Amino acid sequence: GKEQYIGQLENSRKDMKKLGISYLTVKSGTPSAIIQYGNELQCVVPQVVEIKTTAGVLRNESSLIAVSSDEGQTWLFIDTGGKDLQGVKEYFPKLSDELIIPPSSQTMEDEQDAK
């Protein structure tokens, strides 16, 4: 349930803190064009996450797929987890083949270079 999930997230945050890991920024970019697919609206949203680690700052560029089944009133976001569209469709088969997921990338910078 919701409370259990919140508890898991809180435990993960505490574990990360013990390891010297923390989120610096999470930014979403401009969404792709919205595609009408069946009874859903779908698009791809680029995302950049920067995480401070003991080795420096990890920068992860990836994508989310946004899906709305109520004409854009509410949206569900699917983290692509670095997968291409076919990889994501293994778990979410009702996605449009017109969605374009750019390749994800990760870079590590010294903390001084990241500023």
N, C-alpha and C. Protein backbone atom coordinates (compact mmCIF):
# COMPACT_ATOMS: atom_id res chain seq x y z
N GLY A 1 0.80 -1.18 0.00
CA GLY A 1 0.00 0.00 0.00
C GLY A 1 0.86 1.26 0.00
N LYS A 2 0.19 2.37 0.03
CA LYS A 2 0.85 3.67 -0.04
C LYS A 2 1.81 3.88 1.13
N GLU A 3 1.37 3.59 2.35
CA GLU A 3 2.20 3.80 3.54
C GLU A 3 3.46 2.93 3.50
N GLN A 4 3.30 1.69 3.05
CA GLN A 4 4.44 0.77 2.96
C GLN A 4 5.45 1.29 1.93
N TYR A 5 4.96 1.78 0.81
CA TYR A 5 5.83 2.32 -0.23
C TYR A 5 6.58 3.55 0.28
N ILE A 6 5.89 4.43 0.98
CA ILE A 6 6.55 5.61 1.56
C ILE A 6 7.62 5.18 2.55
N GLY A 7 7.35 4.16 3.35
CA GLY A 7 8.33 3.64 4.29
C GLY A 7 9.56 3.09 3.59
N GLN A 8 9.35 2.40 2.47
CA GLN A 8 10.48 1.87 1.69
C GLN A 8 11.33 3.01 1.13
N LEU A 9 10.68 4.05 0.64
CA LEU A 9 11.41 5.20 0.12
C LEU A 9 12.22 5.88 1.21
N GLU A 10 11.63 6.01 2.37
CA GLU A 10 12.33 6.64 3.50
C GLU A 10 13.54 5.80 3.92
N ASN A 11 13.38 4.48 3.97
CA ASN A 11 14.51 3.61 4.31
C ASN A 11 15.62 3.70 3.27
N SER A 12 15.24 3.79 2.00
CA SER A 12 16.24 3.94 0.94
C SER A 12 17.00 5.25 1.09
N ARG A 13 16.29 6.32 1.43
CA ARG A 13 16.93 7.62 1.63
C ARG A 13 17.93 7.56 2.79
N LYS A 14 17.54 6.90 3.87
CA LYS A 14 18.44 6.77 5.03
C LYS A 14 19.67 5.95 4.66
N ASP A 15 19.47 4.86 3.92
CA ASP A 15 20.60 4.02 3.50
C ASP A 15 21.55 4.82 2.60
N MET A 16 21.00 5.61 1.69
CA MET A 16 21.83 6.43 0.82
C MET A 16 22.64 7.44 1.63
N LYS A 17 22.01 8.04 2.62
CA LYS A 17 22.70 9.03 3.45
C LYS A 17 23.87 8.39 4.19
N LYS A 18 23.68 7.18 4.70
CA LYS A 18 24.75 6.47 5.40
C LYS A 18 25.94 6.23 4.48
N LEU A 19 25.68 6.04 3.19
CA LEU A 19 26.73 5.78 2.22
C LEU A 19 27.32 7.06 1.62
N GLY A 20 26.83 8.22 2.08
CA GLY A 20 27.33 9.49 1.55
C GLY A 20 26.76 9.84 0.20
N ILE A 21 25.57 9.35 -0.09
CA ILE A 21 24.92 9.59 -1.38
C ILE A 21 23.68 10.45 -1.15
N SER A 22 23.52 11.49 -2.00
CA SER A 22 22.33 12.33 -1.89
C SER A 22 21.97 12.89 -3.27
N TYR A 23 20.70 13.16 -3.47
CA TYR A 23 20.24 13.77 -4.71
C TYR A 23 20.56 15.26 -4.67
N LEU A 24 21.13 15.77 -5.76
CA LEU A 24 21.37 17.20 -5.88
C LEU A 24 20.26 17.87 -6.66
N THR A 25 19.96 17.33 -7.85
CA THR A 25 18.89 17.90 -8.68
C THR A 25 18.18 16.80 -9.45
N VAL A 26 16.92 17.05 -9.73
CA VAL A 26 16.13 16.25 -10.64
C VAL A 26 15.39 17.25 -11.51
N LYS A 27 15.71 17.25 -12.81
CA LYS A 27 15.11 18.22 -13.73
C LYS A 27 14.46 17.50 -14.89
N SER A 28 13.28 17.97 -15.26
CA SER A 28 12.60 17.45 -16.44
C SER A 28 12.76 18.45 -17.57
N GLY A 29 12.94 17.92 -18.79
CA GLY A 29 13.07 18.77 -19.96
C GLY A 29 11.74 18.94 -20.66
N THR A 30 11.80 19.46 -21.86
CA THR A 30 10.61 19.70 -22.66
C THR A 30 10.08 18.38 -23.22
N PRO A 31 8.81 18.09 -22.98
CA PRO A 31 8.23 16.84 -23.48
C PRO A 31 8.21 16.81 -25.01
N SER A 32 8.23 15.59 -25.56
CA SER A 32 8.08 15.43 -27.00
C SER A 32 6.64 15.76 -27.38
N ALA A 33 6.38 15.71 -28.66
CA ALA A 33 5.00 15.90 -29.13
C ALA A 33 4.12 14.82 -28.51
N ILE A 34 2.90 15.18 -28.16
CA ILE A 34 1.96 14.23 -27.56
C ILE A 34 1.30 13.43 -28.68
N ILE A 35 1.28 12.12 -28.48
CA ILE A 35 0.71 11.19 -29.45
C ILE A 35 -0.61 10.66 -28.90
N GLN A 36 -1.66 10.66 -29.73
CA GLN A 36 -2.92 10.01 -29.37
C GLN A 36 -2.79 8.55 -29.80
N TYR A 37 -2.86 7.63 -28.84
CA TYR A 37 -2.73 6.21 -29.15
C TYR A 37 -3.85 5.47 -28.44
N GLY A 38 -4.78 4.96 -29.21
CA GLY A 38 -5.96 4.34 -28.60
C GLY A 38 -6.71 5.39 -27.79
N ASN A 39 -6.99 5.09 -26.53
CA ASN A 39 -7.68 6.05 -25.67
C ASN A 39 -6.70 6.79 -24.77
N GLU A 40 -5.42 6.82 -25.14
CA GLU A 40 -4.40 7.46 -24.31
C GLU A 40 -3.65 8.55 -25.05
N LEU A 41 -3.14 9.50 -24.27
CA LEU A 41 -2.16 10.46 -24.74
C LEU A 41 -0.82 9.97 -24.22
N GLN A 42 0.22 10.03 -25.06
CA GLN A 42 1.54 9.54 -24.67
C GLN A 42 2.62 10.49 -25.20
N CYS A 43 3.68 10.66 -24.42
CA CYS A 43 4.84 11.43 -24.87
C CYS A 43 6.06 11.01 -24.06
N VAL A 44 7.22 11.50 -24.48
CA VAL A 44 8.48 11.21 -23.80
C VAL A 44 8.99 12.49 -23.15
N VAL A 45 9.41 12.39 -21.89
CA VAL A 45 9.90 13.53 -21.13
C VAL A 45 11.36 13.27 -20.75
N PRO A 46 12.29 14.10 -21.26
CA PRO A 46 13.69 13.91 -20.86
C PRO A 46 13.88 14.29 -19.39
N GLN A 47 14.83 13.63 -18.73
CA GLN A 47 15.06 13.88 -17.31
C GLN A 47 16.57 13.81 -17.04
N VAL A 48 17.03 14.75 -16.20
CA VAL A 48 18.42 14.76 -15.76
C VAL A 48 18.42 14.68 -14.24
N VAL A 49 19.15 13.68 -13.71
CA VAL A 49 19.27 13.50 -12.27
C VAL A 49 20.75 13.61 -11.91
N GLU A 50 21.06 14.45 -10.92
CA GLU A 50 22.43 14.57 -10.43
C GLU A 50 22.46 14.08 -8.99
N ILE A 51 23.38 13.15 -8.73
CA ILE A 51 23.51 12.52 -7.42
C ILE A 51 24.92 12.72 -6.91
N LYS A 52 25.03 13.22 -5.68
CA LYS A 52 26.34 13.38 -5.05
C LYS A 52 26.74 12.04 -4.44
N THR A 53 27.95 11.59 -4.79
CA THR A 53 28.49 10.36 -4.23
C THR A 53 29.84 10.68 -3.60
N THR A 54 30.43 9.72 -2.96
CA THR A 54 31.75 9.93 -2.38
C THR A 54 32.81 10.08 -3.48
N ALA A 55 32.54 9.61 -4.69
CA ALA A 55 33.48 9.71 -5.81
C ALA A 55 33.30 10.97 -6.65
N GLY A 56 32.20 11.70 -6.43
CA GLY A 56 31.92 12.90 -7.21
C GLY A 56 30.43 13.02 -7.47
N VAL A 57 30.10 13.66 -8.59
CA VAL A 57 28.70 13.87 -8.94
C VAL A 57 28.36 13.00 -10.15
N LEU A 58 27.38 12.12 -9.97
CA LEU A 58 26.90 11.27 -11.05
C LEU A 58 25.75 12.00 -11.74
N ARG A 59 25.87 12.16 -13.05
CA ARG A 59 24.83 12.82 -13.85
C ARG A 59 24.22 11.77 -14.77
N ASN A 60 22.92 11.55 -14.62
CA ASN A 60 22.20 10.55 -15.40
C ASN A 60 21.16 11.26 -16.27
N GLU A 61 21.30 11.11 -17.59
CA GLU A 61 20.31 11.64 -18.53
C GLU A 61 19.50 10.47 -19.05
N SER A 62 18.20 10.53 -18.83
CA SER A 62 17.32 9.43 -19.23
C SER A 62 15.97 10.00 -19.64
N SER A 63 14.99 9.13 -19.78
CA SER A 63 13.66 9.56 -20.21
C SER A 63 12.57 8.91 -19.38
N LEU A 64 11.47 9.62 -19.28
CA LEU A 64 10.23 9.08 -18.73
C LEU A 64 9.22 9.04 -19.86
N ILE A 65 8.31 8.08 -19.81
CA ILE A 65 7.19 8.08 -20.75
C ILE A 65 5.98 8.53 -19.95
N ALA A 66 5.30 9.56 -20.45
CA ALA A 66 4.10 10.09 -19.79
C ALA A 66 2.87 9.55 -20.51
N VAL A 67 1.90 9.05 -19.73
CA VAL A 67 0.69 8.46 -20.29
C VAL A 67 -0.52 9.03 -19.54
N SER A 68 -1.52 9.46 -20.31
CA SER A 68 -2.76 9.95 -19.72
C SER A 68 -3.94 9.24 -20.38
N SER A 69 -4.84 8.72 -19.56
CA SER A 69 -6.04 8.07 -20.10
C SER A 69 -7.29 8.92 -19.85
N ASP A 70 -7.08 10.17 -19.37
CA ASP A 70 -8.22 11.06 -19.13
C ASP A 70 -8.02 12.43 -19.81
N GLU A 71 -7.54 12.37 -21.04
CA GLU A 71 -7.36 13.56 -21.89
C GLU A 71 -6.43 14.60 -21.27
N GLY A 72 -5.42 14.14 -20.54
CA GLY A 72 -4.40 15.04 -20.00
C GLY A 72 -4.70 15.62 -18.63
N GLN A 73 -5.77 15.20 -17.99
CA GLN A 73 -6.08 15.70 -16.65
C GLN A 73 -5.07 15.18 -15.63
N THR A 74 -4.72 13.90 -15.74
CA THR A 74 -3.70 13.29 -14.86
C THR A 74 -2.76 12.47 -15.74
N TRP A 75 -1.53 12.31 -15.26
CA TRP A 75 -0.50 11.60 -16.02
C TRP A 75 0.17 10.56 -15.15
N LEU A 76 0.51 9.43 -15.76
CA LEU A 76 1.31 8.38 -15.16
C LEU A 76 2.67 8.45 -15.84
N PHE A 77 3.76 8.36 -15.05
CA PHE A 77 5.10 8.45 -15.61
C PHE A 77 5.80 7.11 -15.46
N ILE A 78 6.36 6.64 -16.56
CA ILE A 78 7.08 5.36 -16.59
C ILE A 78 8.56 5.67 -16.76
N ASP A 79 9.39 5.26 -15.82
CA ASP A 79 10.83 5.41 -15.95
C ASP A 79 11.32 4.36 -16.92
N THR A 80 12.00 4.77 -17.98
CA THR A 80 12.45 3.82 -18.99
C THR A 80 13.61 2.97 -18.50
N GLY A 81 14.27 3.38 -17.43
CA GLY A 81 15.35 2.59 -16.86
C GLY A 81 16.48 2.31 -17.84
N GLY A 82 16.70 3.23 -18.77
CA GLY A 82 17.77 3.07 -19.75
C GLY A 82 17.41 2.13 -20.89
N LYS A 83 16.19 1.62 -20.92
CA LYS A 83 15.78 0.70 -21.98
C LYS A 83 15.31 1.48 -23.21
N ASP A 84 15.40 0.84 -24.37
CA ASP A 84 14.81 1.42 -25.57
C ASP A 84 13.30 1.12 -25.55
N LEU A 85 12.58 1.59 -26.56
CA LEU A 85 11.13 1.43 -26.57
C LEU A 85 10.71 -0.03 -26.51
N GLN A 86 11.37 -0.90 -27.27
CA GLN A 86 10.99 -2.31 -27.27
C GLN A 86 11.21 -2.93 -25.89
N GLY A 87 12.27 -2.52 -25.20
CA GLY A 87 12.52 -3.02 -23.85
C GLY A 87 11.44 -2.58 -22.87
N VAL A 88 10.97 -1.34 -23.00
CA VAL A 88 9.91 -0.84 -22.11
C VAL A 88 8.59 -1.53 -22.45
N LYS A 89 8.36 -1.78 -23.74
CA LYS A 89 7.10 -2.41 -24.16
C LYS A 89 6.96 -3.85 -23.66
N GLU A 90 8.05 -4.47 -23.23
CA GLU A 90 7.94 -5.80 -22.63
C GLU A 90 7.07 -5.74 -21.37
N TYR A 91 7.14 -4.62 -20.66
CA TYR A 91 6.37 -4.43 -19.42
C TYR A 91 5.10 -3.61 -19.63
N PHE A 92 5.14 -2.72 -20.63
CA PHE A 92 4.02 -1.84 -20.95
C PHE A 92 3.71 -1.95 -22.44
N PRO A 93 3.04 -3.03 -22.85
CA PRO A 93 2.86 -3.29 -24.28
C PRO A 93 1.94 -2.31 -25.01
N LYS A 94 1.17 -1.51 -24.28
CA LYS A 94 0.22 -0.60 -24.92
C LYS A 94 0.81 0.77 -25.22
N LEU A 95 2.11 0.81 -25.54
CA LEU A 95 2.76 2.07 -25.89
C LEU A 95 2.87 2.18 -27.41
N SER A 96 2.76 3.41 -27.90
CA SER A 96 2.85 3.67 -29.33
C SER A 96 4.26 3.41 -29.84
N ASP A 97 4.36 2.82 -31.03
CA ASP A 97 5.65 2.63 -31.69
C ASP A 97 6.23 3.96 -32.17
N GLU A 98 5.44 5.03 -32.14
CA GLU A 98 5.91 6.35 -32.57
C GLU A 98 6.72 7.07 -31.50
N LEU A 99 6.70 6.58 -30.26
CA LEU A 99 7.49 7.21 -29.21
C LEU A 99 8.97 7.02 -29.50
N ILE A 100 9.75 8.08 -29.33
CA ILE A 100 11.19 8.02 -29.55
C ILE A 100 11.88 8.25 -28.22
N ILE A 101 12.60 7.22 -27.75
CA ILE A 101 13.33 7.31 -26.49
C ILE A 101 14.82 7.47 -26.81
N PRO A 102 15.38 8.65 -26.52
CA PRO A 102 16.81 8.82 -26.76
C PRO A 102 17.62 7.90 -25.85
N PRO A 103 18.82 7.52 -26.29
CA PRO A 103 19.67 6.69 -25.43
C PRO A 103 19.99 7.42 -24.13
N SER A 104 20.03 6.68 -23.03
CA SER A 104 20.39 7.29 -21.75
C SER A 104 21.91 7.36 -21.66
N SER A 105 22.39 8.23 -20.75
CA SER A 105 23.83 8.35 -20.55
C SER A 105 24.11 8.67 -19.09
N GLN A 106 25.29 8.27 -18.65
CA GLN A 106 25.75 8.58 -17.30
C GLN A 106 27.17 9.10 -17.39
N THR A 107 27.43 10.15 -16.62
CA THR A 107 28.79 10.68 -16.51
C THR A 107 29.08 10.93 -15.04
N MET A 108 30.36 10.82 -14.69
CA MET A 108 30.80 11.09 -13.32
C MET A 108 31.76 12.27 -13.39
N GLU A 109 31.50 13.27 -12.57
CA GLU A 109 32.36 14.44 -12.51
C GLU A 109 32.88 14.61 -11.10
N ASP A 110 34.08 15.18 -11.00
CA ASP A 110 34.55 15.58 -9.67
C ASP A 110 33.59 16.62 -9.15
N GLU A 111 33.39 16.67 -7.86
CA GLU A 111 32.44 17.61 -7.28
C GLU A 111 32.78 19.05 -7.67
N GLN A 112 34.05 19.40 -7.74
CA GLN A 112 34.46 20.75 -8.11
C GLN A 112 34.07 21.07 -9.55
N ASP A 113 34.23 20.09 -10.47
CA ASP A 113 33.90 20.29 -11.88
C ASP A 113 32.40 20.46 -12.09
N ALA A 114 31.59 19.85 -11.23
CA ALA A 114 30.14 19.88 -11.39
C ALA A 114 29.54 21.23 -11.04
N LYS A 115 30.27 22.08 -10.34
CA LYS A 115 29.72 23.37 -9.91
C LYS A 115 29.82 24.39 -10.95
